[in-house]
Amino acid sequence: MRLYTFLARCHDVLDLTKTTIQFSKLSKVEIGGTKGKDLTSSIQEIYLDFQNAVDTFKAIEYDLMDADAHKFEVDYSTFCSAVKEIERRLGAVISSGVDDCLTVYGRFQLLDSFDSDLLHRSIIQDELEGKYIELVHAFGTDLRIAQEQFLSSY
């Protein structure tokens, strides 16, 4: 039982580390477009809120790997709740950014400016699912237009 508890703790610490790495890349994101300045500001605010959650976690005074430190479950749960809220906000900002882009290329550039692992987080993915479908349809439309133009030139 103790080994299982320790392995679960290792999994939680690994998840914490991966999450921190994924969200740390938000510090470098800048969004263009008509609402780019506002969206970039929102991203920076989200990043600062994430950093506050990480700083709170860093301030704990017990050994993270001590399986007998039961306060970890409470602290980790609080951190995960904060991350879920941050993911919801981030998904809404990215969705708004996609709506602001006028071209398929611009939408791809916007999505490419975020870490792919970050975009695969379930809450963000749920927020963007409809946008991905719209993007594929728009890409298909652009391809049909290009094909028609190519064929009409003969």
C-alpha atoms as a PDB file:
ATOM      1  CA  MET A   1       0.000   0.000   0.000  1.00  0.00           C
ATOM      2  CA  ARG A   2       2.819   2.394   0.838  1.00  0.00           C
ATOM      3  CA  LEU A   3       4.458   1.736  -2.526  1.00  0.00           C
ATOM      4  CA  TYR A   4       1.178   2.491  -4.314  1.00  0.00           C
ATOM      5  CA  THR A   5       0.879   5.763  -2.390  1.00  0.00           C
ATOM      6  CA  PHE A   6       4.427   6.712  -3.309  1.00  0.00           C
ATOM      7  CA  LEU A   7       3.858   5.860  -6.992  1.00  0.00           C
ATOM      8  CA  ALA A   8       0.683   7.951  -7.015  1.00  0.00           C
ATOM      9  CA  ARG A   9       2.671  10.821  -5.497  1.00  0.00           C
ATOM     10  CA  CYS A  10       5.334  10.438  -8.208  1.00  0.00           C
ATOM     11  CA  HIS A  11       2.601  10.598 -10.854  1.00  0.00           C
ATOM     12  CA  ASP A  12       1.142  13.755  -9.288  1.00  0.00           C
ATOM     13  CA  VAL A  13       4.545  15.464  -9.096  1.00  0.00           C
ATOM     14  CA  LEU A  14       5.235  14.512 -12.713  1.00  0.00           C
ATOM     15  CA  ASP A  15       1.882  15.993 -13.743  1.00  0.00           C
ATOM     16  CA  LEU A  16       2.684  19.136 -11.767  1.00  0.00           C
ATOM     17  CA  THR A  17       6.032  19.438 -13.518  1.00  0.00           C
ATOM     18  CA  LYS A  18       4.588  18.878 -17.010  1.00  0.00           C
ATOM     19  CA  THR A  19       1.836  21.410 -16.355  1.00  0.00           C
ATOM     20  CA  THR A  20       4.364  23.973 -15.183  1.00  0.00           C
ATOM     21  CA  ILE A  21       6.489  23.466 -18.298  1.00  0.00           C
ATOM     22  CA  GLN A  22       3.477  23.739 -20.621  1.00  0.00           C
ATOM     23  CA  PHE A  23       2.103  26.922 -19.066  1.00  0.00           C
ATOM     24  CA  SER A  24       5.520  28.548 -18.688  1.00  0.00           C
ATOM     25  CA  LYS A  25       5.605  28.918 -22.477  1.00  0.00           C
ATOM     26  CA  LEU A  26       2.704  31.376 -22.268  1.00  0.00           C
ATOM     27  CA  SER A  27       5.130  34.091 -21.200  1.00  0.00           C
ATOM     28  CA  LYS A  28       6.370  34.349 -24.787  1.00  0.00           C
ATOM     29  CA  VAL A  29       3.023  34.314 -26.620  1.00  0.00           C
ATOM     30  CA  GLU A  30       1.981  37.410 -28.530  1.00  0.00           C
ATOM     31  CA  ILE A  31      -1.162  37.516 -30.626  1.00  0.00           C
ATOM     32  CA  GLY A  32      -1.669  39.731 -33.673  1.00  0.00           C
ATOM     33  CA  GLY A  33      -4.837  40.857 -35.350  1.00  0.00           C
ATOM     34  CA  THR A  34      -7.395  43.512 -34.546  1.00  0.00           C
ATOM     35  CA  LYS A  35      -7.828  42.295 -30.970  1.00  0.00           C
ATOM     36  CA  GLY A  36      -4.235  41.107 -30.625  1.00  0.00           C
ATOM     37  CA  LYS A  37      -3.191  43.595 -27.956  1.00  0.00           C
ATOM     38  CA  ASP A  38      -6.180  42.748 -25.747  1.00  0.00           C
ATOM     39  CA  LEU A  39      -5.761  39.008 -26.285  1.00  0.00           C
ATOM     40  CA  THR A  40      -2.030  39.181 -25.536  1.00  0.00           C
ATOM     41  CA  SER A  41      -2.821  41.102 -22.370  1.00  0.00           C
ATOM     42  CA  SER A  42      -5.310  38.387 -21.376  1.00  0.00           C
ATOM     43  CA  ILE A  43      -2.700  35.696 -22.038  1.00  0.00           C
ATOM     44  CA  GLN A  44      -0.192  37.539 -19.844  1.00  0.00           C
ATOM     45  CA  GLU A  45      -2.793  37.844 -17.073  1.00  0.00           C
ATOM     46  CA  ILE A  46      -3.495  34.109 -17.335  1.00  0.00           C
ATOM     47  CA  TYR A  47       0.233  33.422 -17.172  1.00  0.00           C
ATOM     48  CA  LEU A  48       0.586  35.560 -14.032  1.00  0.00           C
ATOM     49  CA  ASP A  49      -2.339  33.763 -12.398  1.00  0.00           C
ATOM     50  CA  PHE A  50      -0.673  30.461 -13.210  1.00  0.00           C
ATOM     51  CA  GLN A  51       2.610  31.694 -11.755  1.00  0.00           C
ATOM     52  CA  ASN A  52       0.739  32.652  -8.561  1.00  0.00           C
ATOM     53  CA  ALA A  53      -0.644  29.113  -8.320  1.00  0.00           C
ATOM     54  CA  VAL A  54       2.855  27.683  -8.831  1.00  0.00           C
ATOM     55  CA  ASP A  55       4.357  30.092  -6.287  1.00  0.00           C
ATOM     56  CA  THR A  56       1.753  29.042  -3.738  1.00  0.00           C
ATOM     57  CA  PHE A  57       2.713  25.435  -4.352  1.00  0.00           C
ATOM     58  CA  LYS A  58       6.421  26.249  -4.104  1.00  0.00           C
ATOM     59  CA  ALA A  59       5.850  27.790  -0.678  1.00  0.00           C
ATOM     60  CA  ILE A  60       4.879  24.493   0.944  1.00  0.00           C
ATOM     61  CA  GLU A  61       7.189  23.468   3.731  1.00  0.00           C
ATOM     62  CA  TYR A  62       7.034  19.689   3.597  1.00  0.00           C
ATOM     63  CA  ASP A  63       8.790  17.168   1.365  1.00  0.00           C
ATOM     64  CA  LEU A  64       6.689  16.580  -1.771  1.00  0.00           C
ATOM     65  CA  MET A  65       7.872  12.999  -1.999  1.00  0.00           C
ATOM     66  CA  ASP A  66       6.953  12.136   1.593  1.00  0.00           C
ATOM     67  CA  ALA A  67       4.012   9.765   1.165  1.00  0.00           C
ATOM     68  CA  ASP A  68       2.994  10.472   4.780  1.00  0.00           C
ATOM     69  CA  ALA A  69       2.530  14.203   4.110  1.00  0.00           C
ATOM     70  CA  HIS A  70      -1.239  14.143   3.668  1.00  0.00           C
ATOM     71  CA  LYS A  71      -1.473  17.905   3.203  1.00  0.00           C
ATOM     72  CA  PHE A  72      -0.100  17.311  -0.305  1.00  0.00           C
ATOM     73  CA  GLU A  73      -3.473  15.988  -1.486  1.00  0.00           C
ATOM     74  CA  VAL A  74      -5.189  19.216  -0.402  1.00  0.00           C
ATOM     75  CA  ASP A  75      -2.486  21.430  -1.891  1.00  0.00           C
ATOM     76  CA  TYR A  76      -2.370  19.454  -5.135  1.00  0.00           C
ATOM     77  CA  SER A  77      -6.157  19.496  -5.443  1.00  0.00           C
ATOM     78  CA  THR A  78      -6.166  23.275  -4.941  1.00  0.00           C
ATOM     79  CA  PHE A  79      -3.488  23.625  -7.619  1.00  0.00           C
ATOM     80  CA  CYS A  80      -5.426  21.407 -10.050  1.00  0.00           C
ATOM     81  CA  SER A  81      -8.600  23.432  -9.483  1.00  0.00           C
ATOM     82  CA  ALA A  82      -6.714  26.639 -10.236  1.00  0.00           C
ATOM     83  CA  VAL A  83      -5.243  25.087 -13.385  1.00  0.00           C
ATOM     84  CA  LYS A  84      -8.692  23.990 -14.603  1.00  0.00           C
ATOM     85  CA  GLU A  85     -10.000  27.537 -14.241  1.00  0.00           C
ATOM     86  CA  ILE A  86      -6.921  28.882 -16.027  1.00  0.00           C
ATOM     87  CA  GLU A  87      -7.430  26.341 -18.826  1.00  0.00           C
ATOM     88  CA  ARG A  88     -11.038  27.507 -19.270  1.00  0.00           C
ATOM     89  CA  ARG A  89      -9.926  31.115 -19.518  1.00  0.00           C
ATOM     90  CA  LEU A  90      -7.093  30.263 -21.889  1.00  0.00           C
ATOM     91  CA  GLY A  91      -9.426  28.254 -24.126  1.00  0.00           C
ATOM     92  CA  ALA A  92     -11.807  31.213 -24.308  1.00  0.00           C
ATOM     93  CA  VAL A  93      -8.969  33.593 -25.235  1.00  0.00           C
ATOM     94  CA  ILE A  94      -7.636  31.265 -27.940  1.00  0.00           C
ATOM     95  CA  SER A  95     -11.160  30.769 -29.274  1.00  0.00           C
ATOM     96  CA  SER A  96     -11.638  34.515 -29.437  1.00  0.00           C
ATOM     97  CA  GLY A  97      -8.312  34.833 -31.233  1.00  0.00           C
ATOM     98  CA  VAL A  98      -9.348  32.227 -33.805  1.00  0.00           C
ATOM     99  CA  ASP A  99     -12.582  34.154 -34.392  1.00  0.00           C
ATOM    100  CA  ASP A 100     -10.552  37.328 -34.913  1.00  0.00           C
ATOM    101  CA  CYS A 101      -8.384  35.780 -37.639  1.00  0.00           C
ATOM    102  CA  LEU A 102      -9.661  36.455 -41.127  1.00  0.00           C
ATOM    103  CA  THR A 103      -7.640  33.808 -42.971  1.00  0.00           C
ATOM    104  CA  VAL A 104      -7.004  30.109 -42.594  1.00  0.00           C
ATOM    105  CA  TYR A 105      -3.284  30.852 -42.518  1.00  0.00           C
ATOM    106  CA  GLY A 106      -3.775  33.332 -39.675  1.00  0.00           C
ATOM    107  CA  ARG A 107      -5.719  30.750 -37.660  1.00  0.00           C
ATOM    108  CA  PHE A 108      -2.978  28.180 -38.157  1.00  0.00           C
ATOM    109  CA  GLN A 109      -0.365  30.739 -37.120  1.00  0.00           C
ATOM    110  CA  LEU A 110      -2.340  31.553 -33.974  1.00  0.00           C
ATOM    111  CA  LEU A 111      -2.662  27.904 -32.975  1.00  0.00           C
ATOM    112  CA  ASP A 112       0.990  27.318 -33.802  1.00  0.00           C
ATOM    113  CA  SER A 113       2.024  30.050 -31.361  1.00  0.00           C
ATOM    114  CA  PHE A 114       0.872  27.824 -28.473  1.00  0.00           C
ATOM    115  CA  ASP A 115       2.601  24.699 -27.199  1.00  0.00           C
ATOM    116  CA  SER A 116       0.940  21.658 -28.794  1.00  0.00           C
ATOM    117  CA  ASP A 117       0.795  19.846 -25.448  1.00  0.00           C
ATOM    118  CA  LEU A 118      -1.022  22.836 -24.000  1.00  0.00           C
ATOM    119  CA  LEU A 119      -3.604  22.719 -26.791  1.00  0.00           C
ATOM    120  CA  HIS A 120      -4.142  19.000 -26.108  1.00  0.00           C
ATOM    121  CA  ARG A 121      -5.229  19.565 -22.516  1.00  0.00           C
ATOM    122  CA  SER A 122      -8.816  18.323 -22.328  1.00  0.00           C
ATOM    123  CA  ILE A 123     -10.509  21.544 -21.189  1.00  0.00           C
ATOM    124  CA  ILE A 124      -8.767  23.617 -23.864  1.00  0.00           C
ATOM    125  CA  GLN A 125      -9.446  20.949 -26.464  1.00  0.00           C
ATOM    126  CA  ASP A 126     -13.147  20.958 -25.587  1.00  0.00           C
ATOM    127  CA  GLU A 127     -13.241  24.734 -25.980  1.00  0.00           C
ATOM    128  CA  LEU A 128     -11.542  24.602 -29.379  1.00  0.00           C
ATOM    129  CA  GLU A 129     -13.217  21.524 -30.859  1.00  0.00           C
ATOM    130  CA  GLY A 130     -15.745  23.535 -32.867  1.00  0.00           C
ATOM    131  CA  LYS A 131     -13.007  25.896 -34.031  1.00  0.00           C
ATOM    132  CA  TYR A 132     -10.974  22.970 -35.374  1.00  0.00           C
ATOM    133  CA  ILE A 133     -13.984  21.777 -37.381  1.00  0.00           C
ATOM    134  CA  GLU A 134     -14.540  25.289 -38.773  1.00  0.00           C
ATOM    135  CA  LEU A 135     -10.846  25.509 -39.633  1.00  0.00           C
ATOM    136  CA  VAL A 136     -10.908  22.232 -41.559  1.00  0.00           C
ATOM    137  CA  HIS A 137     -14.011  23.369 -43.494  1.00  0.00           C
ATOM    138  CA  ALA A 138     -12.406  26.732 -44.292  1.00  0.00           C
ATOM    139  CA  PHE A 139      -9.227  24.968 -45.417  1.00  0.00           C
ATOM    140  CA  GLY A 140     -11.291  22.693 -47.672  1.00  0.00           C
ATOM    141  CA  THR A 141     -13.047  25.722 -49.144  1.00  0.00           C
ATOM    142  CA  ASP A 142      -9.705  27.408 -49.837  1.00  0.00           C
ATOM    143  CA  LEU A 143      -8.448  24.238 -51.535  1.00  0.00           C
ATOM    144  CA  ARG A 144     -11.565  24.039 -53.742  1.00  0.00           C
ATOM    145  CA  ILE A 145     -11.135  27.687 -54.757  1.00  0.00           C
ATOM    146  CA  ALA A 146      -7.470  27.092 -55.595  1.00  0.00           C
ATOM    147  CA  GLN A 147      -8.413  23.993 -57.606  1.00  0.00           C
ATOM    148  CA  GLU A 148     -11.077  25.890 -59.534  1.00  0.00           C
ATOM    149  CA  GLN A 149      -8.658  28.699 -60.314  1.00  0.00           C
ATOM    150  CA  PHE A 150      -6.026  26.217 -61.427  1.00  0.00           C
ATOM    151  CA  LEU A 151      -8.439  24.307 -63.645  1.00  0.00           C
ATOM    152  CA  SER A 152      -9.920  27.479 -65.152  1.00  0.00           C
ATOM    153  CA  SER A 153      -6.478  28.590 -66.305  1.00  0.00           C
ATOM    154  CA  TYR A 154      -6.343  25.710 -68.824  1.00  0.00           C
END
